[in-house]
Amino acid sequence: MLKIADKAPDFTLNSDTGDLVSLRDFRGKSVVLFFFPRANTPG
């Protein structure tokens, strides 16, 4: 479990253009992540 001030673990996802993007690609920059549920799922 992460705690406040812990570094986020690296992960890789597809961008909106289909390119693979890793969190490490943004090292040293500010990053904002938006989390939302998939369509037709609870949440």
PDB file of N, CA and C in Angstrom:
ATOM      1  N   MET A   1       0.848  -1.177   0.000  1.00  0.00           N
ATOM      2  CA  MET A   1       0.000   0.000   0.000  1.00  0.00           C
ATOM      3  C   MET A   1       0.894   1.240   0.000  1.00  0.00           C
ATOM      4  N   LEU A   2       0.602   2.169  -0.878  1.00  0.00           N
ATOM      5  CA  LEU A   2       1.347   3.429  -0.911  1.00  0.00           C
ATOM      6  C   LEU A   2       0.888   4.344   0.210  1.00  0.00           C
ATOM      7  N   LYS A   3       1.817   5.122   0.708  1.00  0.00           N
ATOM      8  CA  LYS A   3       1.509   6.117   1.732  1.00  0.00           C
ATOM      9  C   LYS A   3       1.777   7.500   1.146  1.00  0.00           C
ATOM     10  N   ILE A   4       1.255   8.518   1.786  1.00  0.00           N
ATOM     11  CA  ILE A   4       1.501   9.892   1.341  1.00  0.00           C
ATOM     12  C   ILE A   4       3.007  10.114   1.254  1.00  0.00           C
ATOM     13  N   ALA A   5       3.443  10.718   0.175  1.00  0.00           N
ATOM     14  CA  ALA A   5       4.836  11.062  -0.123  1.00  0.00           C
ATOM     15  C   ALA A   5       5.637   9.890  -0.687  1.00  0.00           C
ATOM     16  N   ASP A   6       5.029   8.690  -0.810  1.00  0.00           N
ATOM     17  CA  ASP A   6       5.712   7.580  -1.480  1.00  0.00           C
ATOM     18  C   ASP A   6       5.807   7.893  -2.971  1.00  0.00           C
ATOM     19  N   LYS A   7       6.852   7.407  -3.605  1.00  0.00           N
ATOM     20  CA  LYS A   7       6.967   7.552  -5.054  1.00  0.00           C
ATOM     21  C   LYS A   7       6.037   6.551  -5.725  1.00  0.00           C
ATOM     22  N   ALA A   8       5.419   6.978  -6.796  1.00  0.00           N
ATOM     23  CA  ALA A   8       4.510   6.093  -7.534  1.00  0.00           C
ATOM     24  C   ALA A   8       5.325   5.028  -8.254  1.00  0.00           C
ATOM     25  N   PRO A   9       4.826   3.804  -8.272  1.00  0.00           N
ATOM     26  CA  PRO A   9       5.522   2.761  -9.026  1.00  0.00           C
ATOM     27  C   PRO A   9       5.406   3.031 -10.527  1.00  0.00           C
ATOM     28  N   ASP A  10       6.409   2.618 -11.276  1.00  0.00           N
ATOM     29  CA  ASP A  10       6.356   2.816 -12.724  1.00  0.00           C
ATOM     30  C   ASP A  10       5.285   1.926 -13.336  1.00  0.00           C
ATOM     31  N   PHE A  11       4.614   2.434 -14.343  1.00  0.00           N
ATOM     32  CA  PHE A  11       3.634   1.647 -15.091  1.00  0.00           C
ATOM     33  C   PHE A  11       3.619   2.139 -16.522  1.00  0.00           C
ATOM     34  N   THR A  12       3.113   1.316 -17.422  1.00  0.00           N
ATOM     35  CA  THR A  12       3.043   1.639 -18.842  1.00  0.00           C
ATOM     36  C   THR A  12       1.620   1.420 -19.326  1.00  0.00           C
ATOM     37  N   LEU A  13       1.095   2.383 -20.065  1.00  0.00           N
ATOM     38  CA  LEU A  13      -0.259   2.327 -20.612  1.00  0.00           C
ATOM     39  C   LEU A  13      -0.254   2.822 -22.050  1.00  0.00           C
ATOM     40  N   ASN A  14      -1.337   2.558 -22.757  1.00  0.00           N
ATOM     41  CA  ASN A  14      -1.513   3.124 -24.087  1.00  0.00           C
ATOM     42  C   ASN A  14      -2.021   4.555 -23.966  1.00  0.00           C
ATOM     43  N   SER A  15      -1.458   5.454 -24.764  1.00  0.00           N
ATOM     44  CA  SER A  15      -1.947   6.830 -24.797  1.00  0.00           C
ATOM     45  C   SER A  15      -3.212   6.888 -25.643  1.00  0.00           C
ATOM     46  N   ASP A  16      -3.793   8.071 -25.731  1.00  0.00           N
ATOM     47  CA  ASP A  16      -4.996   8.235 -26.549  1.00  0.00           C
ATOM     48  C   ASP A  16      -4.713   8.052 -28.037  1.00  0.00           C
ATOM     49  N   THR A  17      -3.423   8.079 -28.420  1.00  0.00           N
ATOM     50  CA  THR A  17      -3.055   7.858 -29.820  1.00  0.00           C
ATOM     51  C   THR A  17      -2.570   6.426 -30.066  1.00  0.00           C
ATOM     52  N   GLY A  18      -2.582   5.597 -29.002  1.00  0.00           N
ATOM     53  CA  GLY A  18      -2.175   4.208 -29.131  1.00  0.00           C
ATOM     54  C   GLY A  18      -0.705   3.937 -28.850  1.00  0.00           C
ATOM     55  N   ASP A  19       0.066   4.990 -28.577  1.00  0.00           N
ATOM     56  CA  ASP A  19       1.482   4.818 -28.249  1.00  0.00           C
ATOM     57  C   ASP A  19       1.622   4.361 -26.796  1.00  0.00           C
ATOM     58  N   LEU A  20       2.656   3.566 -26.512  1.00  0.00           N
ATOM     59  CA  LEU A  20       2.929   3.174 -25.135  1.00  0.00           C
ATOM     60  C   LEU A  20       3.626   4.326 -24.425  1.00  0.00           C
ATOM     61  N   VAL A  21       3.143   4.636 -23.221  1.00  0.00           N
ATOM     62  CA  VAL A  21       3.701   5.719 -22.419  1.00  0.00           C
ATOM     63  C   VAL A  21       3.949   5.176 -21.016  1.00  0.00           C
ATOM     64  N   SER A  22       5.134   5.415 -20.486  1.00  0.00           N
ATOM     65  CA  SER A  22       5.485   4.988 -19.137  1.00  0.00           C
ATOM     66  C   SER A  22       5.573   6.192 -18.222  1.00  0.00           C
ATOM     67  N   LEU A  23       5.275   5.970 -16.964  1.00  0.00           N
ATOM     68  CA  LEU A  23       5.396   7.056 -15.993  1.00  0.00           C
ATOM     69  C   LEU A  23       6.827   7.575 -15.968  1.00  0.00           C
ATOM     70  N   ARG A  24       7.802   6.704 -16.145  1.00  0.00           N
ATOM     71  CA  ARG A  24       9.209   7.128 -16.120  1.00  0.00           C
ATOM     72  C   ARG A  24       9.534   8.115 -17.244  1.00  0.00           C
ATOM     73  N   ASP A  25       8.724   8.159 -18.304  1.00  0.00           N
ATOM     74  CA  ASP A  25       8.934   9.118 -19.388  1.00  0.00           C
ATOM     75  C   ASP A  25       8.756  10.556 -18.917  1.00  0.00           C
ATOM     76  N   PHE A  26       8.086  10.733 -17.782  1.00  0.00           N
ATOM     77  CA  PHE A  26       7.779  12.070 -17.275  1.00  0.00           C
ATOM     78  C   PHE A  26       8.584  12.419 -16.029  1.00  0.00           C
ATOM     79  N   ARG A  27       9.633  11.661 -15.759  1.00  0.00           N
ATOM     80  CA  ARG A  27      10.453  11.915 -14.568  1.00  0.00           C
ATOM     81  C   ARG A  27      10.940  13.364 -14.574  1.00  0.00           C
ATOM     82  N   GLY A  28      10.765  14.042 -13.433  1.00  0.00           N
ATOM     83  CA  GLY A  28      11.178  15.433 -13.295  1.00  0.00           C
ATOM     84  C   GLY A  28      10.118  16.427 -13.734  1.00  0.00           C
ATOM     85  N   LYS A  29       8.955  15.933 -14.219  1.00  0.00           N
ATOM     86  CA  LYS A  29       7.869  16.806 -14.655  1.00  0.00           C
ATOM     87  C   LYS A  29       6.650  16.562 -13.778  1.00  0.00           C
ATOM     88  N   SER A  30       5.762  17.521 -13.747  1.00  0.00           N
ATOM     89  CA  SER A  30       4.500  17.345 -13.017  1.00  0.00           C
ATOM     90  C   SER A  30       3.561  16.478 -13.844  1.00  0.00           C
ATOM     91  N   VAL A  31       2.866  15.580 -13.167  1.00  0.00           N
ATOM     92  CA  VAL A  31       1.944  14.665 -13.837  1.00  0.00           C
ATOM     93  C   VAL A  31       0.623  14.665 -13.088  1.00  0.00           C
ATOM     94  N   VAL A  32      -0.476  14.764 -13.816  1.00  0.00           N
ATOM     95  CA  VAL A  32      -1.815  14.663 -13.232  1.00  0.00           C
ATOM     96  C   VAL A  32      -2.486  13.435 -13.831  1.00  0.00           C
ATOM     97  N   LEU A  33      -2.986  12.552 -12.978  1.00  0.00           N
ATOM     98  CA  LEU A  33      -3.671  11.347 -13.431  1.00  0.00           C
ATOM     99  C   LEU A  33      -5.145  11.459 -13.116  1.00  0.00           C
ATOM    100  N   PHE A  34      -5.977  11.129 -14.074  1.00  0.00           N
ATOM    101  CA  PHE A  34      -7.416  11.100 -13.883  1.00  0.00           C
ATOM    102  C   PHE A  34      -7.859   9.644 -13.883  1.00  0.00           C
ATOM    103  N   PHE A  35      -8.591   9.245 -12.846  1.00  0.00           N
ATOM    104  CA  PHE A  35      -9.124   7.894 -12.768  1.00  0.00           C
ATOM    105  C   PHE A  35     -10.616   7.963 -12.902  1.00  0.00           C
ATOM    106  N   PHE A  36     -11.170   7.110 -13.741  1.00  0.00           N
ATOM    107  CA  PHE A  36     -12.611   7.066 -13.918  1.00  0.00           C
ATOM    108  C   PHE A  36     -13.019   5.638 -14.252  1.00  0.00           C
ATOM    109  N   PRO A  37     -14.249   5.271 -13.911  1.00  0.00           N
ATOM    110  CA  PRO A  37     -14.673   3.903 -14.193  1.00  0.00           C
ATOM    111  C   PRO A  37     -14.939   3.694 -15.677  1.00  0.00           C
ATOM    112  N   ARG A  38     -14.799   2.472 -16.107  1.00  0.00           N
ATOM    113  CA  ARG A  38     -15.154   2.129 -17.480  1.00  0.00           C
ATOM    114  C   ARG A  38     -16.657   2.278 -17.662  1.00  0.00           C
ATOM    115  N   ALA A  39     -17.079   2.455 -18.882  1.00  0.00           N
ATOM    116  CA  ALA A  39     -18.504   2.558 -19.164  1.00  0.00           C
ATOM    117  C   ALA A  39     -19.219   1.285 -18.705  1.00  0.00           C
ATOM    118  N   ASN A  40     -20.409   1.464 -18.193  1.00  0.00           N
ATOM    119  CA  ASN A  40     -21.255   0.360 -17.748  1.00  0.00           C
ATOM    120  C   ASN A  40     -20.658  -0.438 -16.600  1.00  0.00           C
ATOM    121  N   THR A  41     -19.877   0.213 -15.737  1.00  0.00           N
ATOM    122  CA  THR A  41     -19.372  -0.449 -14.546  1.00  0.00           C
ATOM    123  C   THR A  41     -19.763   0.383 -13.325  1.00  0.00           C
ATOM    124  N   PRO A  42     -19.890  -0.235 -12.165  1.00  0.00           N
ATOM    125  CA  PRO A  42     -20.215   0.534 -10.979  1.00  0.00           C
ATOM    126  C   PRO A  42     -19.053   1.454 -10.595  1.00  0.00           C
ATOM    127  N   GLY A  43     -19.377   2.564 -10.016  1.00  0.00           N
ATOM    128  CA  GLY A  43     -18.325   3.473  -9.560  1.00  0.00           C
ATOM    129  C   GLY A  43     -18.586   4.798 -10.044  1.00  0.00           C
TER     130      GLY A  43
END
